[in-house]
Amino acid sequence: GDQASHYAPATPVRIVAAGAGSPDGAWEGLAVLARRPPPPGCEALAWRRLPDDAAAYGRELYAALRDLDQVGAGQILVEAVPSGEDWAAVADRLARAAFSVA
């Protein structure tokens, strides 16, 4: 756990602002990890929704990333988690997952 990219899946991970859409406006070919449901008409390859609770999110994070890593997406978009002490460990894990793309 002390390597910078230890948590990185094979599929590139990009962290985007909470509530933001796809960076280029298109969802096709993307896998998404968020705390909200997909928007109407979303054509993402896969959408995984995790809990709003930091502890529950942290427990489910690695399984969700592994699942999304297997769908053949070109990129995994991850909705940024809230700031604050409760979310610090989760934010660190996500930063490590996205490290390989930075």
PDB file of N, CA and C in Angstrom:
ATOM      1  N   GLY A   1       0.772  -1.203   0.000  1.00  0.00           N
ATOM      2  CA  GLY A   1       0.000   0.000   0.000  1.00  0.00           C
ATOM      3  C   GLY A   1       0.814   1.269   0.000  1.00  0.00           C
ATOM      4  N   ASP A   2       2.177   1.167   0.069  1.00  0.00           N
ATOM      5  CA  ASP A   2       2.945   2.404   0.115  1.00  0.00           C
ATOM      6  C   ASP A   2       3.519   2.800  -1.234  1.00  0.00           C
ATOM      7  N   GLN A   3       3.256   2.043  -2.287  1.00  0.00           N
ATOM      8  CA  GLN A   3       3.654   2.448  -3.624  1.00  0.00           C
ATOM      9  C   GLN A   3       2.613   3.412  -4.170  1.00  0.00           C
ATOM     10  N   ALA A   4       3.073   4.400  -4.919  1.00  0.00           N
ATOM     11  CA  ALA A   4       2.156   5.437  -5.406  1.00  0.00           C
ATOM     12  C   ALA A   4       1.062   4.878  -6.302  1.00  0.00           C
ATOM     13  N   SER A   5       1.351   3.854  -7.105  1.00  0.00           N
ATOM     14  CA  SER A   5       0.333   3.346  -8.020  1.00  0.00           C
ATOM     15  C   SER A   5      -0.233   2.002  -7.581  1.00  0.00           C
ATOM     16  N   HIS A   6      -0.064   1.630  -6.339  1.00  0.00           N
ATOM     17  CA  HIS A   6      -0.491   0.325  -5.832  1.00  0.00           C
ATOM     18  C   HIS A   6      -1.950   0.005  -6.147  1.00  0.00           C
ATOM     19  N   TYR A   7      -2.821   0.982  -6.104  1.00  0.00           N
ATOM     20  CA  TYR A   7      -4.250   0.745  -6.256  1.00  0.00           C
ATOM     21  C   TYR A   7      -4.747   0.934  -7.693  1.00  0.00           C
ATOM     22  N   ALA A   8      -3.857   1.067  -8.650  1.00  0.00           N
ATOM     23  CA  ALA A   8      -4.260   1.386 -10.019  1.00  0.00           C
ATOM     24  C   ALA A   8      -4.736   0.161 -10.790  1.00  0.00           C
ATOM     25  N   PRO A   9      -5.962   0.201 -11.317  1.00  0.00           N
ATOM     26  CA  PRO A   9      -6.418  -0.860 -12.224  1.00  0.00           C
ATOM     27  C   PRO A   9      -5.712  -0.698 -13.573  1.00  0.00           C
ATOM     28  N   ALA A  10      -5.844  -1.677 -14.448  1.00  0.00           N
ATOM     29  CA  ALA A  10      -5.233  -1.602 -15.774  1.00  0.00           C
ATOM     30  C   ALA A  10      -5.883  -0.515 -16.630  1.00  0.00           C
ATOM     31  N   THR A  11      -7.170  -0.316 -16.483  1.00  0.00           N
ATOM     32  CA  THR A  11      -7.888   0.727 -17.232  1.00  0.00           C
ATOM     33  C   THR A  11      -7.547   2.088 -16.617  1.00  0.00           C
ATOM     34  N   PRO A  12      -7.208   3.084 -17.438  1.00  0.00           N
ATOM     35  CA  PRO A  12      -6.913   4.415 -16.891  1.00  0.00           C
ATOM     36  C   PRO A  12      -8.086   4.968 -16.084  1.00  0.00           C
ATOM     37  N   VAL A  13      -7.756   5.594 -14.966  1.00  0.00           N
ATOM     38  CA  VAL A  13      -8.749   6.178 -14.067  1.00  0.00           C
ATOM     39  C   VAL A  13      -8.606   7.692 -14.090  1.00  0.00           C
ATOM     40  N   ARG A  14      -9.726   8.373 -14.209  1.00  0.00           N
ATOM     41  CA  ARG A  14      -9.735   9.836 -14.181  1.00  0.00           C
ATOM     42  C   ARG A  14     -10.759  10.289 -13.149  1.00  0.00           C
ATOM     43  N   ILE A  15     -10.331  11.129 -12.237  1.00  0.00           N
ATOM     44  CA  ILE A  15     -11.238  11.673 -11.224  1.00  0.00           C
ATOM     45  C   ILE A  15     -11.814  12.974 -11.759  1.00  0.00           C
ATOM     46  N   VAL A  16     -13.148  13.081 -11.708  1.00  0.00           N
ATOM     47  CA  VAL A  16     -13.838  14.276 -12.191  1.00  0.00           C
ATOM     48  C   VAL A  16     -14.653  14.879 -11.062  1.00  0.00           C
ATOM     49  N   ALA A  17     -14.962  16.146 -11.167  1.00  0.00           N
ATOM     50  CA  ALA A  17     -15.745  16.838 -10.138  1.00  0.00           C
ATOM     51  C   ALA A  17     -17.090  16.150  -9.940  1.00  0.00           C
ATOM     52  N   ALA A  18     -17.542  16.125  -8.696  1.00  0.00           N
ATOM     53  CA  ALA A  18     -18.837  15.532  -8.380  1.00  0.00           C
ATOM     54  C   ALA A  18     -19.929  16.220  -9.183  1.00  0.00           C
ATOM     55  N   GLY A  19     -20.790  15.430  -9.805  1.00  0.00           N
ATOM     56  CA  GLY A  19     -21.888  15.961 -10.587  1.00  0.00           C
ATOM     57  C   GLY A  19     -21.507  16.371 -11.999  1.00  0.00           C
ATOM     58  N   ALA A  20     -20.222  16.306 -12.327  1.00  0.00           N
ATOM     59  CA  ALA A  20     -19.786  16.681 -13.677  1.00  0.00           C
ATOM     60  C   ALA A  20     -20.188  15.596 -14.666  1.00  0.00           C
ATOM     61  N   GLY A  21     -20.343  15.989 -15.876  1.00  0.00           N
ATOM     62  CA  GLY A  21     -20.609  15.030 -16.932  1.00  0.00           C
ATOM     63  C   GLY A  21     -19.316  14.464 -17.468  1.00  0.00           C
ATOM     64  N   SER A  22     -19.424  13.725 -18.534  1.00  0.00           N
ATOM     65  CA  SER A  22     -18.251  13.217 -19.212  1.00  0.00           C
ATOM     66  C   SER A  22     -17.430  14.413 -19.702  1.00  0.00           C
ATOM     67  N   PRO A  23     -16.096  14.359 -19.597  1.00  0.00           N
ATOM     68  CA  PRO A  23     -15.273  15.502 -19.994  1.00  0.00           C
ATOM     69  C   PRO A  23     -15.507  15.980 -21.433  1.00  0.00           C
ATOM     70  N   ASP A  24     -15.811  15.074 -22.346  1.00  0.00           N
ATOM     71  CA  ASP A  24     -16.033  15.495 -23.728  1.00  0.00           C
ATOM     72  C   ASP A  24     -17.516  15.447 -24.113  1.00  0.00           C
ATOM     73  N   GLY A  25     -18.383  15.198 -23.133  1.00  0.00           N
ATOM     74  CA  GLY A  25     -19.821  15.169 -23.377  1.00  0.00           C
ATOM     75  C   GLY A  25     -20.365  13.823 -23.815  1.00  0.00           C
ATOM     76  N   ALA A  26     -19.507  12.877 -24.091  1.00  0.00           N
ATOM     77  CA  ALA A  26     -19.937  11.545 -24.544  1.00  0.00           C
ATOM     78  C   ALA A  26     -19.629  10.504 -23.475  1.00  0.00           C
ATOM     79  N   TRP A  27     -20.554   9.596 -23.264  1.00  0.00           N
ATOM     80  CA  TRP A  27     -20.380   8.543 -22.260  1.00  0.00           C
ATOM     81  C   TRP A  27     -19.966   7.211 -22.874  1.00  0.00           C
ATOM     82  N   GLU A  28     -20.121   7.055 -24.174  1.00  0.00           N
ATOM     83  CA  GLU A  28     -19.852   5.777 -24.817  1.00  0.00           C
ATOM     84  C   GLU A  28     -18.415   5.332 -24.543  1.00  0.00           C
ATOM     85  N   GLY A  29     -18.256   4.063 -24.226  1.00  0.00           N
ATOM     86  CA  GLY A  29     -16.940   3.492 -24.001  1.00  0.00           C
ATOM     87  C   GLY A  29     -16.345   3.771 -22.634  1.00  0.00           C
ATOM     88  N   LEU A  30     -17.104   4.445 -21.755  1.00  0.00           N
ATOM     89  CA  LEU A  30     -16.606   4.774 -20.421  1.00  0.00           C
ATOM     90  C   LEU A  30     -17.263   3.896 -19.367  1.00  0.00           C
ATOM     91  N   ALA A  31     -16.527   3.653 -18.311  1.00  0.00           N
ATOM     92  CA  ALA A  31     -17.086   3.061 -17.100  1.00  0.00           C
ATOM     93  C   ALA A  31     -17.080   4.179 -16.061  1.00  0.00           C
ATOM     94  N   VAL A  32     -18.100   4.209 -15.209  1.00  0.00           N
ATOM     95  CA  VAL A  32     -18.243   5.311 -14.255  1.00  0.00           C
ATOM     96  C   VAL A  32     -18.446   4.765 -12.850  1.00  0.00           C
ATOM     97  N   LEU A  33     -17.751   5.383 -11.907  1.00  0.00           N
ATOM     98  CA  LEU A  33     -17.920   5.082 -10.492  1.00  0.00           C
ATOM     99  C   LEU A  33     -18.391   6.372  -9.836  1.00  0.00           C
ATOM    100  N   ALA A  34     -19.604   6.355  -9.262  1.00  0.00           N
ATOM    101  CA  ALA A  34     -20.188   7.585  -8.722  1.00  0.00           C
ATOM    102  C   ALA A  34     -21.025   7.282  -7.492  1.00  0.00           C
ATOM    103  N   ARG A  35     -21.447   8.343  -6.822  1.00  0.00           N
ATOM    104  CA  ARG A  35     -22.355   8.216  -5.678  1.00  0.00           C
ATOM    105  C   ARG A  35     -23.767   8.598  -6.068  1.00  0.00           C
ATOM    106  N   ARG A  36     -24.011   8.769  -7.344  1.00  0.00           N
ATOM    107  CA  ARG A  36     -25.339   9.144  -7.853  1.00  0.00           C
ATOM    108  C   ARG A  36     -25.708   8.190  -8.983  1.00  0.00           C
ATOM    109  N   PRO A  37     -26.975   8.114  -9.306  1.00  0.00           N
ATOM    110  CA  PRO A  37     -27.382   7.258 -10.436  1.00  0.00           C
ATOM    111  C   PRO A  37     -26.976   7.901 -11.759  1.00  0.00           C
ATOM    112  N   PRO A  38     -26.939   7.125 -12.826  1.00  0.00           N
ATOM    113  CA  PRO A  38     -26.593   7.705 -14.125  1.00  0.00           C
ATOM    114  C   PRO A  38     -27.666   8.680 -14.591  1.00  0.00           C
ATOM    115  N   PRO A  39     -27.262   9.705 -15.337  1.00  0.00           N
ATOM    116  CA  PRO A  39     -28.262  10.638 -15.865  1.00  0.00           C
ATOM    117  C   PRO A  39     -29.125   9.946 -16.922  1.00  0.00           C
ATOM    118  N   PRO A  40     -30.319  10.457 -17.151  1.00  0.00           N
ATOM    119  CA  PRO A  40     -31.188   9.865 -18.175  1.00  0.00           C
ATOM    120  C   PRO A  40     -30.483   9.836 -19.532  1.00  0.00           C
ATOM    121  N   GLY A  41     -30.616   8.720 -20.220  1.00  0.00           N
ATOM    122  CA  GLY A  41     -30.023   8.589 -21.551  1.00  0.00           C
ATOM    123  C   GLY A  41     -28.539   8.315 -21.558  1.00  0.00           C
ATOM    124  N   CYS A  42     -27.952   8.121 -20.398  1.00  0.00           N
ATOM    125  CA  CYS A  42     -26.517   7.864 -20.314  1.00  0.00           C
ATOM    126  C   CYS A  42     -26.190   6.550 -21.013  1.00  0.00           C
ATOM    127  N   GLU A  43     -25.200   6.575 -21.866  1.00  0.00           N
ATOM    128  CA  GLU A  43     -24.811   5.385 -22.613  1.00  0.00           C
ATOM    129  C   GLU A  43     -23.442   4.862 -22.185  1.00  0.00           C
ATOM    130  N   ALA A  44     -23.109   5.052 -20.915  1.00  0.00           N
ATOM    131  CA  ALA A  44     -21.839   4.534 -20.405  1.00  0.00           C
ATOM    132  C   ALA A  44     -21.840   3.018 -20.523  1.00  0.00           C
ATOM    133  N   LEU A  45     -20.666   2.460 -20.742  1.00  0.00           N
ATOM    134  CA  LEU A  45     -20.514   1.018 -20.843  1.00  0.00           C
ATOM    135  C   LEU A  45     -20.924   0.343 -19.529  1.00  0.00           C
ATOM    136  N   ALA A  46     -20.575   0.966 -18.419  1.00  0.00           N
ATOM    137  CA  ALA A  46     -20.949   0.461 -17.086  1.00  0.00           C
ATOM    138  C   ALA A  46     -21.011   1.647 -16.134  1.00  0.00           C
ATOM    139  N   TRP A  47     -21.933   1.567 -15.173  1.00  0.00           N
ATOM    140  CA  TRP A  47     -22.066   2.613 -14.148  1.00  0.00           C
ATOM    141  C   TRP A  47     -22.207   1.908 -12.821  1.00  0.00           C
ATOM    142  N   ARG A  48     -21.296   2.181 -11.909  1.00  0.00           N
ATOM    143  CA  ARG A  48     -21.346   1.567 -10.581  1.00  0.00           C
ATOM    144  C   ARG A  48     -21.578   2.667  -9.565  1.00  0.00           C
ATOM    145  N   ARG A  49     -22.638   2.509  -8.775  1.00  0.00           N
ATOM    146  CA  ARG A  49     -22.984   3.501  -7.756  1.00  0.00           C
ATOM    147  C   ARG A  49     -22.554   2.980  -6.396  1.00  0.00           C
ATOM    148  N   LEU A  50     -21.794   3.821  -5.673  1.00  0.00           N
ATOM    149  CA  LEU A  50     -21.356   3.472  -4.326  1.00  0.00           C
ATOM    150  C   LEU A  50     -22.063   4.357  -3.306  1.00  0.00           C
ATOM    151  N   PRO A  51     -22.057   3.936  -2.039  1.00  0.00           N
ATOM    152  CA  PRO A  51     -22.793   4.669  -0.991  1.00  0.00           C
ATOM    153  C   PRO A  51     -22.247   6.073  -0.728  1.00  0.00           C
ATOM    154  N   ASP A  52     -23.084   6.908  -0.122  1.00  0.00           N
ATOM    155  CA  ASP A  52     -22.694   8.253   0.290  1.00  0.00           C
ATOM    156  C   ASP A  52     -21.915   8.258   1.602  1.00  0.00           C
ATOM    157  N   ASP A  53     -21.867   7.140   2.276  1.00  0.00           N
ATOM    158  CA  ASP A  53     -21.153   7.003   3.543  1.00  0.00           C
ATOM    159  C   ASP A  53     -19.702   6.621   3.253  1.00  0.00           C
ATOM    160  N   ALA A  54     -18.743   7.360   3.817  1.00  0.00           N
ATOM    161  CA  ALA A  54     -17.321   7.138   3.526  1.00  0.00           C
ATOM    162  C   ALA A  54     -16.863   5.726   3.884  1.00  0.00           C
ATOM    163  N   ALA A  55     -17.267   5.212   5.025  1.00  0.00           N
ATOM    164  CA  ALA A  55     -16.824   3.873   5.435  1.00  0.00           C
ATOM    165  C   ALA A  55     -17.358   2.801   4.488  1.00  0.00           C
ATOM    166  N   ALA A  56     -18.634   2.894   4.129  1.00  0.00           N
ATOM    167  CA  ALA A  56     -19.222   1.918   3.211  1.00  0.00           C
ATOM    168  C   ALA A  56     -18.604   2.047   1.820  1.00  0.00           C
ATOM    169  N   TYR A  57     -18.373   3.267   1.372  1.00  0.00           N
ATOM    170  CA  TYR A  57     -17.737   3.507   0.079  1.00  0.00           C
ATOM    171  C   TYR A  57     -16.353   2.846   0.066  1.00  0.00           C
ATOM    172  N   GLY A  58     -15.589   3.074   1.124  1.00  0.00           N
ATOM    173  CA  GLY A  58     -14.248   2.497   1.226  1.00  0.00           C
ATOM    174  C   GLY A  58     -14.264   0.980   1.180  1.00  0.00           C
ATOM    175  N   ARG A  59     -15.243   0.360   1.819  1.00  0.00           N
ATOM    176  CA  ARG A  59     -15.340  -1.111   1.813  1.00  0.00           C
ATOM    177  C   ARG A  59     -15.633  -1.651   0.418  1.00  0.00           C
ATOM    178  N   GLU A  60     -16.379  -0.904  -0.377  1.00  0.00           N
ATOM    179  CA  GLU A  60     -16.794  -1.380  -1.700  1.00  0.00           C
ATOM    180  C   GLU A  60     -15.894  -0.907  -2.840  1.00  0.00           C
ATOM    181  N   LEU A  61     -14.979   0.003  -2.560  1.00  0.00           N
ATOM    182  CA  LEU A  61     -14.200   0.650  -3.606  1.00  0.00           C
ATOM    183  C   LEU A  61     -13.407  -0.326  -4.473  1.00  0.00           C
ATOM    184  N   TYR A  62     -12.626  -1.199  -3.865  1.00  0.00           N
ATOM    185  CA  TYR A  62     -11.744  -2.067  -4.658  1.00  0.00           C
ATOM    186  C   TYR A  62     -12.531  -3.043  -5.516  1.00  0.00           C
ATOM    187  N   ALA A  63     -13.593  -3.597  -4.982  1.00  0.00           N
ATOM    188  CA  ALA A  63     -14.425  -4.512  -5.775  1.00  0.00           C
ATOM    189  C   ALA A  63     -15.037  -3.762  -6.956  1.00  0.00           C
ATOM    190  N   ALA A  64     -15.473  -2.531  -6.735  1.00  0.00           N
ATOM    191  CA  ALA A  64     -16.067  -1.741  -7.816  1.00  0.00           C
ATOM    192  C   ALA A  64     -15.033  -1.441  -8.893  1.00  0.00           C
ATOM    193  N   LEU A  65     -13.824  -1.052  -8.493  1.00  0.00           N
ATOM    194  CA  LEU A  65     -12.778  -0.784  -9.480  1.00  0.00           C
ATOM    195  C   LEU A  65     -12.415  -2.048 -10.261  1.00  0.00           C
ATOM    196  N   ARG A  66     -12.326  -3.178  -9.572  1.00  0.00           N
ATOM    197  CA  ARG A  66     -12.031  -4.448 -10.268  1.00  0.00           C
ATOM    198  C   ARG A  66     -13.133  -4.776 -11.268  1.00  0.00           C
ATOM    199  N   ASP A  67     -14.386  -4.616 -10.850  1.00  0.00           N
ATOM    200  CA  ASP A  67     -15.513  -4.890 -11.759  1.00  0.00           C
ATOM    201  C   ASP A  67     -15.453  -3.983 -12.989  1.00  0.00           C
ATOM    202  N   LEU A  68     -15.244  -2.694 -12.776  1.00  0.00           N
ATOM    203  CA  LEU A  68     -15.208  -1.749 -13.884  1.00  0.00           C
ATOM    204  C   LEU A  68     -13.988  -1.972 -14.775  1.00  0.00           C
ATOM    205  N   ASP A  69     -12.926  -2.462 -14.188  1.00  0.00           N
ATOM    206  CA  ASP A  69     -11.709  -2.745 -14.949  1.00  0.00           C
ATOM    207  C   ASP A  69     -11.916  -3.886 -15.948  1.00  0.00           C
ATOM    208  N   GLN A  70     -12.927  -4.701 -15.716  1.00  0.00           N
ATOM    209  CA  GLN A  70     -13.176  -5.881 -16.556  1.00  0.00           C
ATOM    210  C   GLN A  70     -14.168  -5.658 -17.692  1.00  0.00           C
ATOM    211  N   VAL A  71     -14.773  -4.466 -17.801  1.00  0.00           N
ATOM    212  CA  VAL A  71     -15.835  -4.269 -18.792  1.00  0.00           C
ATOM    213  C   VAL A  71     -15.324  -3.843 -20.166  1.00  0.00           C
ATOM    214  N   GLY A  72     -14.032  -3.609 -20.279  1.00  0.00           N
ATOM    215  CA  GLY A  72     -13.470  -3.224 -21.566  1.00  0.00           C
ATOM    216  C   GLY A  72     -13.617  -1.750 -21.904  1.00  0.00           C
ATOM    217  N   ALA A  73     -13.766  -0.919 -20.896  1.00  0.00           N
ATOM    218  CA  ALA A  73     -13.897   0.525 -21.113  1.00  0.00           C
ATOM    219  C   ALA A  73     -12.542   1.126 -21.470  1.00  0.00           C
ATOM    220  N   GLY A  74     -12.574   2.243 -22.168  1.00  0.00           N
ATOM    221  CA  GLY A  74     -11.344   2.957 -22.476  1.00  0.00           C
ATOM    222  C   GLY A  74     -10.832   3.748 -21.287  1.00  0.00           C
ATOM    223  N   GLN A  75     -11.735   4.061 -20.361  1.00  0.00           N
ATOM    224  CA  GLN A  75     -11.373   4.850 -19.189  1.00  0.00           C
ATOM    225  C   GLN A  75     -12.426   4.655 -18.114  1.00  0.00           C
ATOM    226  N   ILE A  76     -12.000   4.724 -16.866  1.00  0.00           N
ATOM    227  CA  ILE A  76     -12.918   4.717 -15.735  1.00  0.00           C
ATOM    228  C   ILE A  76     -12.979   6.141 -15.193  1.00  0.00           C
ATOM    229  N   LEU A  77     -14.155   6.752 -15.249  1.00  0.00           N
ATOM    230  CA  LEU A  77     -14.353   8.064 -14.639  1.00  0.00           C
ATOM    231  C   LEU A  77     -14.852   7.859 -13.220  1.00  0.00           C
ATOM    232  N   VAL A  78     -14.217   8.527 -12.274  1.00  0.00           N
ATOM    233  CA  VAL A  78     -14.614   8.418 -10.873  1.00  0.00           C
ATOM    234  C   VAL A  78     -15.033   9.795 -10.387  1.00  0.00           C
ATOM    235  N   GLU A  79     -16.260   9.864  -9.871  1.00  0.00           N
ATOM    236  CA  GLU A  79     -16.749  11.107  -9.282  1.00  0.00           C
ATOM    237  C   GLU A  79     -15.947  11.398  -8.017  1.00  0.00           C
ATOM    238  N   ALA A  80     -15.378  12.588  -7.918  1.00  0.00           N
ATOM    239  CA  ALA A  80     -14.603  12.968  -6.738  1.00  0.00           C
ATOM    240  C   ALA A  80     -15.457  12.837  -5.482  1.00  0.00           C
ATOM    241  N   VAL A  81     -14.828  12.403  -4.416  1.00  0.00           N
ATOM    242  CA  VAL A  81     -15.533  12.259  -3.144  1.00  0.00           C
ATOM    243  C   VAL A  81     -15.473  13.584  -2.387  1.00  0.00           C
ATOM    244  N   PRO A  82     -16.360  13.768  -1.419  1.00  0.00           N
ATOM    245  CA  PRO A  82     -16.338  15.013  -0.641  1.00  0.00           C
ATOM    246  C   PRO A  82     -15.011  15.188   0.101  1.00  0.00           C
ATOM    247  N   SER A  83     -14.669  16.426   0.390  1.00  0.00           N
ATOM    248  CA  SER A  83     -13.486  16.674   1.206  1.00  0.00           C
ATOM    249  C   SER A  83     -13.866  16.452   2.670  1.00  0.00           C
ATOM    250  N   GLY A  84     -12.888  16.324   3.492  1.00  0.00           N
ATOM    251  CA  GLY A  84     -13.142  16.146   4.921  1.00  0.00           C
ATOM    252  C   GLY A  84     -12.458  14.918   5.457  1.00  0.00           C
ATOM    253  N   GLU A  85     -12.319  14.906   6.764  1.00  0.00           N
ATOM    254  CA  GLU A  85     -11.595  13.844   7.452  1.00  0.00           C
ATOM    255  C   GLU A  85     -12.181  12.457   7.183  1.00  0.00           C
ATOM    256  N   ASP A  86     -13.500  12.341   7.154  1.00  0.00           N
ATOM    257  CA  ASP A  86     -14.135  11.045   6.928  1.00  0.00           C
ATOM    258  C   ASP A  86     -13.761  10.450   5.578  1.00  0.00           C
ATOM    259  N   TRP A  87     -13.540  11.308   4.586  1.00  0.00           N
ATOM    260  CA  TRP A  87     -13.286  10.859   3.211  1.00  0.00           C
ATOM    261  C   TRP A  87     -11.800  10.842   2.853  1.00  0.00           C
ATOM    262  N   ALA A  88     -10.914  11.255   3.747  1.00  0.00           N
ATOM    263  CA  ALA A  88      -9.488  11.385   3.420  1.00  0.00           C
ATOM    264  C   ALA A  88      -8.871  10.074   2.940  1.00  0.00           C
ATOM    265  N   ALA A  89      -9.145   8.975   3.617  1.00  0.00           N
ATOM    266  CA  ALA A  89      -8.563   7.693   3.213  1.00  0.00           C
ATOM    267  C   ALA A  89      -9.090   7.255   1.848  1.00  0.00           C
ATOM    268  N   VAL A  90     -10.364   7.484   1.601  1.00  0.00           N
ATOM    269  CA  VAL A  90     -10.953   7.130   0.304  1.00  0.00           C
ATOM    270  C   VAL A  90     -10.333   7.989  -0.793  1.00  0.00           C
ATOM    271  N   ALA A  91     -10.188   9.288  -0.543  1.00  0.00           N
ATOM    272  CA  ALA A  91      -9.590  10.185  -1.526  1.00  0.00           C
ATOM    273  C   ALA A  91      -8.159   9.753  -1.846  1.00  0.00           C
ATOM    274  N   ASP A  92      -7.422   9.307  -0.835  1.00  0.00           N
ATOM    275  CA  ASP A  92      -6.056   8.823  -1.055  1.00  0.00           C
ATOM    276  C   ASP A  92      -6.054   7.587  -1.947  1.00  0.00           C
ATOM    277  N   ARG A  93      -6.942   6.653  -1.692  1.00  0.00           N
ATOM    278  CA  ARG A  93      -7.021   5.437  -2.516  1.00  0.00           C
ATOM    279  C   ARG A  93      -7.370   5.779  -3.956  1.00  0.00           C
ATOM    280  N   LEU A  94      -8.284   6.707  -4.147  1.00  0.00           N
ATOM    281  CA  LEU A  94      -8.655   7.111  -5.503  1.00  0.00           C
ATOM    282  C   LEU A  94      -7.495   7.808  -6.207  1.00  0.00           C
ATOM    283  N   ALA A  95      -6.769   8.647  -5.478  1.00  0.00           N
ATOM    284  CA  ALA A  95      -5.605   9.325  -6.076  1.00  0.00           C
ATOM    285  C   ALA A  95      -4.568   8.288  -6.519  1.00  0.00           C
ATOM    286  N   ARG A  96      -4.376   7.250  -5.733  1.00  0.00           N
ATOM    287  CA  ARG A  96      -3.438   6.181  -6.098  1.00  0.00           C
ATOM    288  C   ARG A  96      -3.933   5.413  -7.326  1.00  0.00           C
ATOM    289  N   ALA A  97      -5.241   5.209  -7.414  1.00  0.00           N
ATOM    290  CA  ALA A  97      -5.802   4.502  -8.573  1.00  0.00           C
ATOM    291  C   ALA A  97      -5.612   5.339  -9.839  1.00  0.00           C
ATOM    292  N   ALA A  98      -5.691   6.643  -9.711  1.00  0.00           N
ATOM    293  CA  ALA A  98      -5.565   7.521 -10.872  1.00  0.00           C
ATOM    294  C   ALA A  98      -4.113   7.892 -11.161  1.00  0.00           C
ATOM    295  N   PHE A  99      -3.212   7.513 -10.307  1.00  0.00           N
ATOM    296  CA  PHE A  99      -1.792   7.906 -10.419  1.00  0.00           C
ATOM    297  C   PHE A  99      -1.199   7.550 -11.771  1.00  0.00           C
ATOM    298  N   SER A 100      -1.526   6.390 -12.286  1.00  0.00           N
ATOM    299  CA  SER A 100      -0.905   5.923 -13.526  1.00  0.00           C
ATOM    300  C   SER A 100      -1.301   6.761 -14.735  1.00  0.00           C
ATOM    301  N   VAL A 101      -2.341   7.589 -14.596  1.00  0.00           N
ATOM    302  CA  VAL A 101      -2.810   8.392 -15.719  1.00  0.00           C
ATOM    303  C   VAL A 101      -2.338   9.841 -15.604  1.00  0.00           C
ATOM    304  N   ALA A 102      -1.925  10.234 -14.411  1.00  0.00           N
ATOM    305  CA  ALA A 102      -1.561  11.635 -14.160  1.00  0.00           C
ATOM    306  C   ALA A 102      -0.354  12.079 -14.964  1.00  0.00           C
TER     307      ALA A 102
END
